[in-house]
């Protein structure tokens, strides 16, 4: 008996199936592209319409602002100018003292003039400002105590010439002994402290004088 071979028929059927599948995928892709193009065109059209609406609204808002500005300028021009105020500063009356306070505690306030950026003002001076300590240019011939303390020892005598860097005295403050040295070569004019004496801040401990050549 002769055997029949079905392989060619199976190959033909498989080729048709693959061709049909490939053709179907191409059709699906073409349809998807058409749908995407239609959606994009619709979105572009909608965006263009919205853009036109925004531009029209912007133009209308600008017109309204311009009209409001014109009306405000017209009202400002029509209004009368306000009277100019007197630039002179009126003096401020001193506060009256309370009746309960005795006459000894009444302080007379003094008004002074001062100028800032070419403008003059009037103000009252406080007691702290009046009783302030004025700055004095320090003299190189005066040796001051920059901290309060106790003089432990004085190592120089009046009338003698002391060279620069030599120890003059020892000042104790906060349980620390500070050695005070000669700032430059000079003669001891006067000694205003002694051992065991307590002195305040900025006290003139020793006075110097230049050496005559």
N, C-alpha and C. Protein backbone atom coordinates (compact mmCIF):
# COMPACT_ATOMS: atom_id res chain seq x y z
N UNK A 1 0.84 -1.19 0.00
CA UNK A 1 0.00 0.00 0.00
C UNK A 1 0.88 1.24 0.00
N UNK A 2 0.42 2.21 -0.75
CA UNK A 2 1.22 3.44 -0.86
C UNK A 2 0.84 4.40 0.27
N UNK A 3 1.87 4.97 0.91
CA UNK A 3 1.66 5.90 2.02
C UNK A 3 1.49 7.32 1.49
N UNK A 4 0.49 7.99 2.09
CA UNK A 4 0.25 9.38 1.67
C UNK A 4 1.02 10.32 2.59
N UNK A 5 1.57 11.40 2.04
CA UNK A 5 2.36 12.39 2.82
C UNK A 5 1.55 13.68 2.94
N UNK A 6 1.16 14.08 4.16
CA UNK A 6 0.35 15.28 4.43
C UNK A 6 1.18 16.51 4.79
N UNK A 7 2.49 16.43 4.73
CA UNK A 7 3.35 17.55 5.13
C UNK A 7 3.19 18.76 4.25
N UNK A 8 3.08 18.64 2.91
CA UNK A 8 2.93 19.85 2.09
C UNK A 8 1.63 20.58 2.40
N UNK A 9 0.53 19.84 2.63
CA UNK A 9 -0.73 20.50 2.94
C UNK A 9 -0.64 21.27 4.25
N UNK A 10 0.04 20.68 5.29
CA UNK A 10 0.20 21.36 6.58
C UNK A 10 1.04 22.62 6.44
N UNK A 11 2.06 22.57 5.58
CA UNK A 11 2.92 23.75 5.38
C UNK A 11 2.14 24.85 4.71
N UNK A 12 1.27 24.50 3.71
CA UNK A 12 0.49 25.52 3.02
C UNK A 12 -0.49 26.18 3.98
N UNK A 13 -1.13 25.38 4.83
CA UNK A 13 -2.11 25.94 5.77
C UNK A 13 -1.42 26.85 6.79
N UNK A 14 -0.22 26.47 7.26
CA UNK A 14 0.50 27.32 8.23
C UNK A 14 0.93 28.62 7.59
N UNK A 15 1.33 28.60 6.28
CA UNK A 15 1.73 29.83 5.59
C UNK A 15 0.55 30.77 5.47
N UNK A 16 -0.66 30.26 5.17
CA UNK A 16 -1.86 31.10 5.06
C UNK A 16 -2.18 31.76 6.39
N UNK A 17 -2.02 30.96 7.47
CA UNK A 17 -2.33 31.51 8.81
C UNK A 17 -1.39 32.65 9.16
N UNK A 18 -0.10 32.48 8.90
CA UNK A 18 0.86 33.56 9.21
C UNK A 18 0.59 34.78 8.36
N UNK A 19 0.26 34.57 7.04
CA UNK A 19 -0.03 35.71 6.18
C UNK A 19 -1.27 36.46 6.70
N UNK A 20 -2.30 35.72 7.11
CA UNK A 20 -3.52 36.35 7.63
C UNK A 20 -3.24 37.13 8.90
N UNK A 21 -2.37 36.56 9.78
CA UNK A 21 -2.04 37.21 11.04
C UNK A 21 -1.27 38.49 10.80
N UNK A 22 -0.28 38.43 9.88
CA UNK A 22 0.49 39.63 9.58
C UNK A 22 -0.39 40.71 8.97
N UNK A 23 -1.27 40.34 8.07
CA UNK A 23 -2.18 41.30 7.46
C UNK A 23 -3.10 41.91 8.50
N UNK A 24 -3.54 41.12 9.45
CA UNK A 24 -4.44 41.61 10.49
C UNK A 24 -3.72 42.62 11.39
N UNK A 25 -2.46 42.35 11.75
CA UNK A 25 -1.71 43.27 12.60
C UNK A 25 -1.47 44.60 11.89
N UNK A 26 -1.22 44.58 10.60
CA UNK A 26 -1.02 45.82 9.84
C UNK A 26 -2.30 46.63 9.82
N UNK A 27 -3.42 46.00 9.64
CA UNK A 27 -4.71 46.71 9.63
C UNK A 27 -4.99 47.34 10.98
N UNK A 28 -4.69 46.59 12.05
CA UNK A 28 -4.92 47.14 13.40
C UNK A 28 -4.04 48.36 13.63
N UNK A 29 -2.79 48.31 13.21
CA UNK A 29 -1.87 49.43 13.41
C UNK A 29 -2.32 50.65 12.61
N UNK A 30 -2.76 50.41 11.37
CA UNK A 30 -3.23 51.53 10.54
C UNK A 30 -4.46 52.18 11.16
N UNK A 31 -5.38 51.35 11.69
CA UNK A 31 -6.57 51.90 12.32
C UNK A 31 -6.21 52.70 13.58
N UNK A 32 -5.25 52.19 14.37
CA UNK A 32 -4.82 52.90 15.58
C UNK A 32 -4.19 54.24 15.23
N UNK A 33 -3.40 54.27 14.14
CA UNK A 33 -2.79 55.53 13.72
C UNK A 33 -3.85 56.54 13.32
N UNK A 34 -4.89 56.07 12.60
CA UNK A 34 -5.96 56.97 12.20
C UNK A 34 -6.69 57.55 13.41
N UNK A 35 -6.95 56.68 14.40
CA UNK A 35 -7.64 57.14 15.61
C UNK A 35 -6.78 58.17 16.36
N UNK A 36 -5.48 57.91 16.46
CA UNK A 36 -4.59 58.84 17.15
C UNK A 36 -4.52 60.18 16.42
N UNK A 37 -4.45 60.12 15.08
CA UNK A 37 -4.39 61.36 14.31
C UNK A 37 -5.67 62.18 14.49
N UNK A 38 -6.83 61.48 14.50
CA UNK A 38 -8.09 62.19 14.68
C UNK A 38 -8.17 62.83 16.06
N UNK A 39 -7.73 62.11 17.08
CA UNK A 39 -7.73 62.66 18.44
C UNK A 39 -6.80 63.87 18.55
N UNK A 40 -5.63 63.77 17.92
CA UNK A 40 -4.67 64.87 17.99
C UNK A 40 -5.22 66.10 17.29
N UNK A 41 -5.86 65.88 16.15
CA UNK A 41 -6.44 67.02 15.43
C UNK A 41 -7.54 67.68 16.25
N UNK A 42 -8.35 66.84 16.93
CA UNK A 42 -9.42 67.40 17.76
C UNK A 42 -8.85 68.18 18.94
N UNK A 43 -7.77 67.66 19.56
CA UNK A 43 -7.14 68.36 20.68
C UNK A 43 -6.52 69.68 20.23
N UNK A 44 -5.88 69.67 19.05
CA UNK A 44 -5.29 70.92 18.52
C UNK A 44 -6.37 71.96 18.25
N UNK A 45 -7.48 71.51 17.71
CA UNK A 45 -8.57 72.44 17.43
C UNK A 45 -9.13 73.04 18.72
N UNK A 46 -9.28 72.18 19.76
CA UNK A 46 -9.80 72.65 21.04
C UNK A 46 -8.83 73.63 21.70
N UNK A 47 -7.50 73.32 21.62
CA UNK A 47 -6.50 74.21 22.20
C UNK A 47 -6.47 75.56 21.50
N UNK A 48 -6.64 75.55 20.16
CA UNK A 48 -6.66 76.81 19.41
C UNK A 48 -7.85 77.67 19.82
N UNK A 49 -9.01 77.03 20.02
CA UNK A 49 -10.19 77.79 20.44
C UNK A 49 -10.00 78.38 21.84
N UNK A 50 -9.42 77.59 22.76
CA UNK A 50 -9.16 78.11 24.11
C UNK A 50 -8.16 79.26 24.07
N UNK A 51 -7.16 79.16 23.20
CA UNK A 51 -6.17 80.23 23.07
C UNK A 51 -6.82 81.52 22.59
N UNK A 52 -7.73 81.40 21.63
CA UNK A 52 -8.44 82.58 21.13
C UNK A 52 -9.27 83.23 22.23
N UNK A 53 -9.93 82.38 23.06
CA UNK A 53 -10.74 82.92 24.15
C UNK A 53 -9.86 83.65 25.17
N UNK A 54 -8.70 83.08 25.51
CA UNK A 54 -7.79 83.71 26.47
C UNK A 54 -7.27 85.04 25.95
N UNK A 55 -6.89 85.07 24.66
CA UNK A 55 -6.39 86.31 24.08
C UNK A 55 -7.46 87.41 24.09
N UNK A 56 -8.70 87.02 23.75
CA UNK A 56 -9.78 88.01 23.76
C UNK A 56 -10.03 88.54 25.17
N UNK A 57 -9.97 87.65 26.16
CA UNK A 57 -10.17 88.07 27.55
C UNK A 57 -9.05 88.98 28.01
N UNK A 58 -7.81 88.68 27.61
CA UNK A 58 -6.67 89.52 27.99
C UNK A 58 -6.79 90.92 27.41
N UNK A 59 -7.20 90.98 26.13
CA UNK A 59 -7.37 92.29 25.49
C UNK A 59 -8.46 93.09 26.19
N UNK A 60 -9.53 92.41 26.57
CA UNK A 60 -10.64 93.08 27.25
C UNK A 60 -10.19 93.60 28.62
N UNK A 61 -9.38 92.79 29.35
CA UNK A 61 -8.88 93.23 30.66
C UNK A 61 -7.97 94.44 30.52
N UNK A 62 -7.12 94.46 29.50
CA UNK A 62 -6.24 95.61 29.28
C UNK A 62 -7.05 96.87 29.00
N UNK A 63 -8.11 96.72 28.21
CA UNK A 63 -8.96 97.88 27.92
C UNK A 63 -9.60 98.41 29.19
N UNK A 64 -10.08 97.50 30.04
CA UNK A 64 -10.69 97.93 31.30
C UNK A 64 -9.71 98.66 32.20
N UNK A 65 -8.45 98.13 32.29
CA UNK A 65 -7.43 98.78 33.12
C UNK A 65 -7.09 100.16 32.58
N UNK A 66 -6.98 100.29 31.25
CA UNK A 66 -6.67 101.58 30.64
C UNK A 66 -7.79 102.58 30.90
N UNK A 67 -9.04 102.14 30.80
CA UNK A 67 -10.16 103.04 31.05
C UNK A 67 -10.20 103.49 32.52
N UNK A 68 -9.92 102.54 33.44
CA UNK A 68 -9.91 102.90 34.86
C UNK A 68 -8.79 103.89 35.17
N UNK A 69 -7.63 103.71 34.55
CA UNK A 69 -6.52 104.63 34.76
C UNK A 69 -6.85 106.02 34.25
N UNK A 70 -7.48 106.08 33.07
CA UNK A 70 -7.86 107.38 32.51
C UNK A 70 -8.85 108.10 33.41
N UNK A 71 -9.83 107.37 33.92
CA UNK A 71 -10.82 107.99 34.80
C UNK A 71 -10.19 108.47 36.10
N UNK A 72 -9.22 107.69 36.64
CA UNK A 72 -8.54 108.10 37.87
C UNK A 72 -7.71 109.36 37.63
N UNK A 73 -7.00 109.41 36.48
CA UNK A 73 -6.22 110.61 36.17
C UNK A 73 -7.11 111.83 36.01
N UNK A 74 -8.27 111.63 35.36
CA UNK A 74 -9.19 112.76 35.19
C UNK A 74 -9.70 113.26 36.53
N UNK A 75 -10.04 112.34 37.44
CA UNK A 75 -10.51 112.74 38.77
C UNK A 75 -9.42 113.46 39.55
N UNK A 76 -8.17 112.99 39.41
CA UNK A 76 -7.06 113.62 40.12
C UNK A 76 -6.81 115.04 39.61
N UNK A 77 -6.92 115.23 38.30
CA UNK A 77 -6.73 116.56 37.73
C UNK A 77 -7.87 117.49 38.13
N UNK A 78 -9.08 116.96 38.21
CA UNK A 78 -10.23 117.78 38.57
C UNK A 78 -10.20 118.19 40.04
N UNK A 79 -9.60 117.34 40.88
CA UNK A 79 -9.58 117.65 42.31
C UNK A 79 -8.67 118.83 42.58
N UNK A 80 -9.02 119.60 43.59
CA UNK A 80 -8.21 120.77 43.94
C UNK A 80 -6.97 120.33 44.70
N UNK A 81 -5.84 121.04 44.51
CA UNK A 81 -4.62 120.68 45.25
C UNK A 81 -4.77 120.96 46.74
N UNK A 82 -4.24 120.07 47.56
CA UNK A 82 -4.34 120.23 49.02
C UNK A 82 -3.41 121.34 49.47
N UNK A 83 -3.79 122.08 50.51
CA UNK A 83 -2.92 123.16 51.01
C UNK A 83 -1.62 122.60 51.57
N UNK A 84 -0.53 123.30 51.28
CA UNK A 84 0.79 122.85 51.72
C UNK A 84 0.93 123.08 53.22
N UNK A 85 1.51 122.08 53.87
CA UNK A 85 1.73 122.18 55.31
C UNK A 85 2.97 123.00 55.59
N UNK A 86 2.98 123.67 56.72
CA UNK A 86 4.11 124.50 57.11
C UNK A 86 5.31 123.62 57.41
N UNK A 87 6.45 123.77 56.71
CA UNK A 87 7.60 122.88 56.97
C UNK A 87 8.23 123.11 58.32
N UNK A 88 7.98 124.26 58.93
CA UNK A 88 8.60 124.53 60.23
C UNK A 88 8.06 123.56 61.28
N UNK A 89 8.96 123.07 62.11
CA UNK A 89 8.56 122.12 63.15
C UNK A 89 8.11 122.90 64.37
N UNK A 90 6.92 122.59 64.83
CA UNK A 90 6.40 123.28 66.00
C UNK A 90 7.12 122.79 67.26
N UNK A 91 7.46 123.68 68.17
CA UNK A 91 8.14 123.24 69.40
C UNK A 91 7.22 122.39 70.25
N UNK A 92 7.81 121.39 70.83
CA UNK A 92 7.06 120.46 71.67
C UNK A 92 7.06 120.99 73.09
N UNK A 93 5.90 121.08 73.67
CA UNK A 93 5.80 121.59 75.03
C UNK A 93 6.34 120.57 76.01
N UNK A 94 7.03 121.04 77.00
CA UNK A 94 7.61 120.16 78.02
C UNK A 94 6.49 119.57 78.86
N UNK A 95 6.59 118.31 79.22
CA UNK A 95 5.55 117.68 80.03
C UNK A 95 5.48 118.31 81.42
N UNK A 96 4.26 118.56 81.86
CA UNK A 96 4.07 119.18 83.17
C UNK A 96 4.31 118.15 84.26
N UNK A 97 5.03 118.48 85.30
CA UNK A 97 5.30 117.51 86.38
C UNK A 97 4.03 117.19 87.14
N UNK A 98 4.00 116.00 87.70
CA UNK A 98 2.82 115.56 88.47
C UNK A 98 2.73 116.34 89.76
N UNK A 99 1.50 116.53 90.23
CA UNK A 99 1.29 117.31 91.44
C UNK A 99 1.80 116.57 92.67
N UNK A 100 1.83 115.22 92.61
CA UNK A 100 2.24 114.45 93.77
C UNK A 100 3.73 114.55 94.05
N UNK A 101 4.55 114.83 93.00
CA UNK A 101 5.99 114.83 93.16
C UNK A 101 6.42 116.11 93.87
N UNK A 102 7.42 116.02 94.74
CA UNK A 102 7.93 117.23 95.39
C UNK A 102 8.71 118.08 94.41
N UNK A 103 8.94 119.33 94.78
CA UNK A 103 9.63 120.27 93.89
C UNK A 103 11.06 119.86 93.65
N UNK A 104 11.68 119.10 94.58
CA UNK A 104 13.09 118.72 94.42
C UNK A 104 13.28 117.73 93.29
N UNK A 105 12.24 116.91 92.98
CA UNK A 105 12.37 115.89 91.95
C UNK A 105 12.00 116.39 90.58
N UNK A 106 11.52 117.61 90.44
CA UNK A 106 11.13 118.13 89.14
C UNK A 106 12.38 118.44 88.33
N UNK A 107 12.47 117.86 87.10
CA UNK A 107 13.63 118.05 86.24
C UNK A 107 13.21 118.85 85.03
N UNK A 108 13.92 119.90 84.73
CA UNK A 108 13.60 120.72 83.56
C UNK A 108 14.17 120.05 82.31
N UNK A 109 13.29 119.79 81.33
CA UNK A 109 13.72 119.17 80.08
C UNK A 109 14.23 120.24 79.13
N UNK A 110 15.36 119.98 78.54
CA UNK A 110 15.99 120.94 77.64
C UNK A 110 15.85 120.44 76.21
N UNK A 111 15.33 121.28 75.32
CA UNK A 111 15.15 120.93 73.92
C UNK A 111 16.38 121.39 73.14
N UNK A 112 16.97 120.48 72.38
CA UNK A 112 18.14 120.82 71.58
C UNK A 112 17.82 120.55 70.11
N UNK A 113 18.52 121.23 69.21
CA UNK A 113 18.35 121.04 67.77
C UNK A 113 19.47 120.16 67.24
N UNK A 114 19.12 119.27 66.32
CA UNK A 114 20.14 118.47 65.64
C UNK A 114 19.65 118.21 64.23
N UNK A 115 20.59 117.98 63.31
CA UNK A 115 20.27 117.82 61.89
C UNK A 115 20.73 116.47 61.40
N UNK A 116 19.87 115.82 60.61
CA UNK A 116 20.18 114.54 59.97
C UNK A 116 19.75 114.64 58.52
N UNK A 117 20.69 114.41 57.60
CA UNK A 117 20.44 114.50 56.16
C UNK A 117 19.71 115.80 55.82
N UNK A 118 20.29 116.91 56.29
CA UNK A 118 19.80 118.27 55.99
C UNK A 118 18.39 118.53 56.51
N UNK A 119 17.96 117.77 57.51
CA UNK A 119 16.66 118.00 58.14
C UNK A 119 16.86 118.24 59.63
N UNK A 120 16.21 119.24 60.16
CA UNK A 120 16.35 119.59 61.56
C UNK A 120 15.23 118.97 62.39
N UNK A 121 15.59 118.50 63.58
CA UNK A 121 14.63 117.90 64.49
C UNK A 121 14.83 118.50 65.88
N UNK A 122 13.86 118.32 66.74
CA UNK A 122 13.94 118.73 68.14
C UNK A 122 13.69 117.51 69.01
N UNK A 123 14.47 117.40 70.07
CA UNK A 123 14.33 116.26 70.95
C UNK A 123 14.73 116.65 72.36
N UNK A 124 14.41 115.79 73.33
CA UNK A 124 14.80 115.99 74.72
C UNK A 124 16.01 115.12 75.02
N UNK A 125 16.93 115.63 75.82
CA UNK A 125 18.11 114.89 76.24
C UNK A 125 17.80 114.14 77.53
N UNK A 126 18.17 112.86 77.56
CA UNK A 126 17.93 112.05 78.75
C UNK A 126 19.00 112.34 79.81
N UNK A 127 18.68 111.95 81.02
CA UNK A 127 19.64 112.15 82.11
C UNK A 127 20.90 111.31 81.89
N UNK A 128 20.73 110.10 81.36
CA UNK A 128 21.88 109.24 81.09
C UNK A 128 22.82 109.88 80.08
N UNK A 129 22.23 110.54 79.06
CA UNK A 129 23.05 111.19 78.06
C UNK A 129 23.79 112.40 78.64
N UNK A 130 23.10 113.15 79.52
CA UNK A 130 23.72 114.32 80.12
C UNK A 130 24.86 113.94 81.06
N UNK A 131 24.69 112.81 81.76
CA UNK A 131 25.70 112.39 82.74
C UNK A 131 26.69 111.40 82.15
N UNK A 132 26.76 111.30 80.83
CA UNK A 132 27.67 110.35 80.19
C UNK A 132 29.12 110.75 80.44
N UNK A 133 30.00 109.78 80.33
CA UNK A 133 31.43 110.02 80.50
C UNK A 133 32.04 110.35 79.14
N UNK A 134 32.63 111.52 79.03
CA UNK A 134 33.21 111.95 77.76
C UNK A 134 34.53 111.23 77.50
N UNK A 135 34.75 110.95 76.22
CA UNK A 135 35.97 110.26 75.84
C UNK A 135 37.15 111.24 75.88
N UNK A 136 38.24 110.79 76.46
CA UNK A 136 39.44 111.61 76.57
C UNK A 136 40.57 110.87 75.89
N UNK A 137 41.31 111.58 75.07
CA UNK A 137 42.44 110.99 74.37
C UNK A 137 43.48 110.54 75.39
N UNK A 138 43.78 109.22 75.49
CA UNK A 138 44.72 108.75 76.51
C UNK A 138 46.12 109.30 76.27
N UNK A 139 46.73 109.70 77.35
CA UNK A 139 48.10 110.22 77.27
C UNK A 139 49.09 109.08 77.39
N UNK A 140 50.13 109.05 76.56
CA UNK A 140 51.13 107.98 76.68
C UNK A 140 51.97 108.09 77.94
N UNK A 141 51.92 109.23 78.63
CA UNK A 141 52.71 109.43 79.84
C UNK A 141 51.91 109.13 81.11
N UNK A 142 50.76 108.47 80.97
CA UNK A 142 49.96 108.05 82.11
C UNK A 142 49.69 106.55 82.01
N UNK A 143 50.07 105.82 83.06
CA UNK A 143 49.84 104.37 83.09
C UNK A 143 48.58 104.14 83.92
N UNK A 144 47.51 103.66 83.25
CA UNK A 144 46.20 103.48 83.88
C UNK A 144 45.99 102.02 84.27
N UNK A 145 45.07 101.82 85.21
CA UNK A 145 44.64 100.47 85.57
C UNK A 145 43.44 100.11 84.70
N UNK A 146 43.61 99.16 83.81
CA UNK A 146 42.53 98.77 82.90
C UNK A 146 41.51 97.84 83.55
N UNK A 147 41.83 97.36 84.76
CA UNK A 147 40.89 96.54 85.53
C UNK A 147 41.01 96.94 87.00
N UNK A 148 39.93 96.85 87.77
CA UNK A 148 40.05 97.14 89.21
C UNK A 148 40.79 96.01 89.92
N UNK A 149 41.57 96.35 90.93
CA UNK A 149 42.32 95.34 91.64
C UNK A 149 43.10 95.90 92.81
N UNK A 150 44.03 95.10 93.32
CA UNK A 150 44.85 95.47 94.47
C UNK A 150 46.31 95.52 94.04
N UNK A 151 47.00 96.59 94.44
CA UNK A 151 48.42 96.73 94.11
C UNK A 151 49.22 95.84 95.06
N UNK A 152 49.96 94.89 94.51
CA UNK A 152 50.77 93.97 95.32
C UNK A 152 52.12 94.59 95.65
N UNK A 153 52.76 95.16 94.64
CA UNK A 153 54.07 95.75 94.88
C UNK A 153 54.34 96.84 93.86
N UNK A 154 55.15 97.85 94.26
CA UNK A 154 55.59 98.91 93.38
C UNK A 154 57.11 98.79 93.28
N UNK A 155 57.61 98.56 92.06
CA UNK A 155 59.03 98.23 91.86
C UNK A 155 59.86 99.40 91.35
N UNK A 156 59.33 100.60 91.31
CA UNK A 156 60.08 101.77 90.84
C UNK A 156 59.94 102.90 91.85
N UNK A 157 60.78 103.93 91.69
CA UNK A 157 60.73 105.11 92.55
C UNK A 157 60.67 106.36 91.69
N UNK A 158 60.09 107.39 92.24
CA UNK A 158 59.94 108.64 91.52
C UNK A 158 61.31 109.27 91.24
N UNK A 159 61.44 109.85 90.05
CA UNK A 159 62.68 110.52 89.67
C UNK A 159 63.66 109.64 88.93
N UNK A 160 63.43 108.33 88.90
CA UNK A 160 64.38 107.44 88.24
C UNK A 160 63.96 107.19 86.79
N UNK A 161 64.97 106.91 85.95
CA UNK A 161 64.74 106.58 84.54
C UNK A 161 64.61 105.07 84.44
N UNK A 162 63.52 104.62 83.85
CA UNK A 162 63.25 103.19 83.69
C UNK A 162 63.21 102.87 82.21
N UNK A 163 63.89 101.81 81.85
CA UNK A 163 63.97 101.41 80.44
C UNK A 163 62.70 100.65 80.04
N UNK A 164 62.49 100.60 78.74
CA UNK A 164 61.32 99.92 78.17
C UNK A 164 61.35 98.43 78.49
N UNK A 165 60.21 97.88 78.90
CA UNK A 165 60.07 96.46 79.19
C UNK A 165 60.34 96.10 80.63
N UNK A 166 60.84 97.03 81.44
CA UNK A 166 61.10 96.73 82.84
C UNK A 166 59.78 96.69 83.63
N UNK A 167 59.73 95.85 84.65
CA UNK A 167 58.53 95.73 85.48
C UNK A 167 58.38 96.95 86.37
N UNK A 168 57.16 97.53 86.40
CA UNK A 168 56.89 98.72 87.21
C UNK A 168 56.20 98.32 88.51
N UNK A 169 55.10 97.53 88.37
CA UNK A 169 54.34 97.11 89.55
C UNK A 169 53.57 95.85 89.22
N UNK A 170 52.95 95.28 90.25
CA UNK A 170 52.11 94.09 90.10
C UNK A 170 50.71 94.43 90.60
N UNK A 171 49.71 94.21 89.75
CA UNK A 171 48.32 94.48 90.09
C UNK A 171 47.56 93.16 90.10
N UNK A 172 46.97 92.84 91.26
CA UNK A 172 46.22 91.58 91.41
C UNK A 172 44.74 91.83 91.19
N UNK A 173 44.12 91.00 90.33
CA UNK A 173 42.70 91.09 90.05
C UNK A 173 42.17 89.69 89.77
N UNK A 174 41.06 89.33 90.43
CA UNK A 174 40.43 88.02 90.26
C UNK A 174 41.44 86.89 90.53
N UNK A 175 42.22 87.06 91.62
CA UNK A 175 43.21 86.07 92.06
C UNK A 175 44.29 85.81 91.01
N UNK A 176 44.53 86.80 90.17
CA UNK A 176 45.61 86.70 89.18
C UNK A 176 46.50 87.94 89.30
N UNK A 177 47.81 87.74 89.30
CA UNK A 177 48.77 88.83 89.40
C UNK A 177 49.22 89.25 88.00
N UNK A 178 48.94 90.52 87.67
CA UNK A 178 49.27 91.07 86.36
C UNK A 178 50.50 91.97 86.48
N UNK A 179 51.53 91.64 85.73
CA UNK A 179 52.76 92.43 85.74
C UNK A 179 52.60 93.60 84.76
N UNK A 180 52.80 94.81 85.28
CA UNK A 180 52.72 96.01 84.46
C UNK A 180 54.14 96.42 84.11
N UNK A 181 54.43 96.52 82.80
CA UNK A 181 55.78 96.83 82.34
C UNK A 181 55.84 98.23 81.76
N UNK A 182 57.05 98.75 81.65
CA UNK A 182 57.28 100.09 81.13
C UNK A 182 57.02 100.09 79.62
N UNK A 183 56.14 100.99 79.11
CA UNK A 183 55.85 100.98 77.67
C UNK A 183 57.00 101.52 76.83
N UNK A 184 57.80 102.45 77.37
CA UNK A 184 58.96 103.02 76.67
C UNK A 184 59.89 103.62 77.73
N UNK A 185 61.07 103.93 77.33
CA UNK A 185 62.05 104.48 78.26
C UNK A 185 61.67 105.92 78.62
N UNK A 186 61.49 106.17 79.91
CA UNK A 186 61.08 107.50 80.37
C UNK A 186 61.42 107.62 81.85
N UNK A 187 61.17 108.82 82.40
CA UNK A 187 61.43 109.10 83.81
C UNK A 187 60.12 109.00 84.60
N UNK A 188 60.22 108.43 85.80
CA UNK A 188 59.05 108.32 86.67
C UNK A 188 58.81 109.69 87.30
N UNK A 189 57.69 110.31 86.96
CA UNK A 189 57.37 111.63 87.48
C UNK A 189 56.65 111.55 88.82
N UNK A 190 55.65 110.69 88.93
CA UNK A 190 54.86 110.61 90.15
C UNK A 190 54.26 109.22 90.27
N UNK A 191 54.22 108.69 91.49
CA UNK A 191 53.60 107.40 91.79
C UNK A 191 52.37 107.66 92.65
N UNK A 192 51.19 107.26 92.16
CA UNK A 192 49.92 107.54 92.86
C UNK A 192 49.36 106.34 93.60
N UNK A 193 50.10 105.23 93.67
CA UNK A 193 49.62 104.03 94.35
C UNK A 193 50.71 103.53 95.29
N UNK A 194 50.29 102.64 96.19
CA UNK A 194 51.23 101.99 97.09
C UNK A 194 50.79 100.55 97.31
N UNK A 195 51.69 99.72 97.82
CA UNK A 195 51.41 98.30 98.00
C UNK A 195 50.24 98.11 98.97
N UNK A 196 49.33 97.21 98.62
CA UNK A 196 48.18 96.91 99.45
C UNK A 196 46.98 97.79 99.20
N UNK A 197 47.08 98.77 98.29
CA UNK A 197 45.98 99.69 98.02
C UNK A 197 45.07 99.13 96.93
N UNK A 198 43.75 99.25 97.14
CA UNK A 198 42.78 98.83 96.14
C UNK A 198 42.43 100.02 95.26
N UNK A 199 42.46 99.83 93.95
CA UNK A 199 42.21 100.93 93.01
C UNK A 199 41.12 100.53 92.04
N UNK A 200 40.37 101.50 91.53
CA UNK A 200 39.30 101.19 90.55
C UNK A 200 39.87 101.12 89.13
N UNK A 201 38.97 100.94 88.19
CA UNK A 201 39.36 100.92 86.78
C UNK A 201 39.69 102.33 86.29
N UNK A 202 40.64 102.42 85.34
CA UNK A 202 41.07 103.69 84.73
C UNK A 202 41.66 104.65 85.76
N UNK A 203 42.33 104.12 86.75
CA UNK A 203 43.00 104.96 87.75
C UNK A 203 44.43 105.21 87.29
N UNK A 204 44.89 106.48 87.40
CA UNK A 204 46.26 106.83 86.99
C UNK A 204 47.22 106.35 88.08
N UNK A 205 47.90 105.24 87.79
CA UNK A 205 48.80 104.65 88.79
C UNK A 205 50.15 105.36 88.81
N UNK A 206 50.73 105.59 87.64
CA UNK A 206 52.07 106.20 87.56
C UNK A 206 52.06 107.22 86.44
N UNK A 207 52.69 108.36 86.71
CA UNK A 207 52.83 109.41 85.71
C UNK A 207 54.28 109.46 85.23
N UNK A 208 54.48 109.59 83.92
CA UNK A 208 55.82 109.60 83.35
C UNK A 208 56.12 110.97 82.77
N UNK A 209 57.40 111.18 82.46
CA UNK A 209 57.82 112.39 81.77
C UNK A 209 58.98 112.04 80.85
N UNK A 210 59.11 112.73 79.73
CA UNK A 210 60.18 112.40 78.79
C UNK A 210 61.57 112.75 79.35
N UNK A 211 62.56 112.06 78.82
CA UNK A 211 63.94 112.31 79.24
C UNK A 211 64.50 113.47 78.44
N UNK A 212 65.10 114.43 79.13
CA UNK A 212 65.72 115.57 78.45
C UNK A 212 67.06 115.14 77.87
N UNK A 213 67.25 115.46 76.60
CA UNK A 213 68.52 115.11 75.94
C UNK A 213 69.52 116.26 76.05
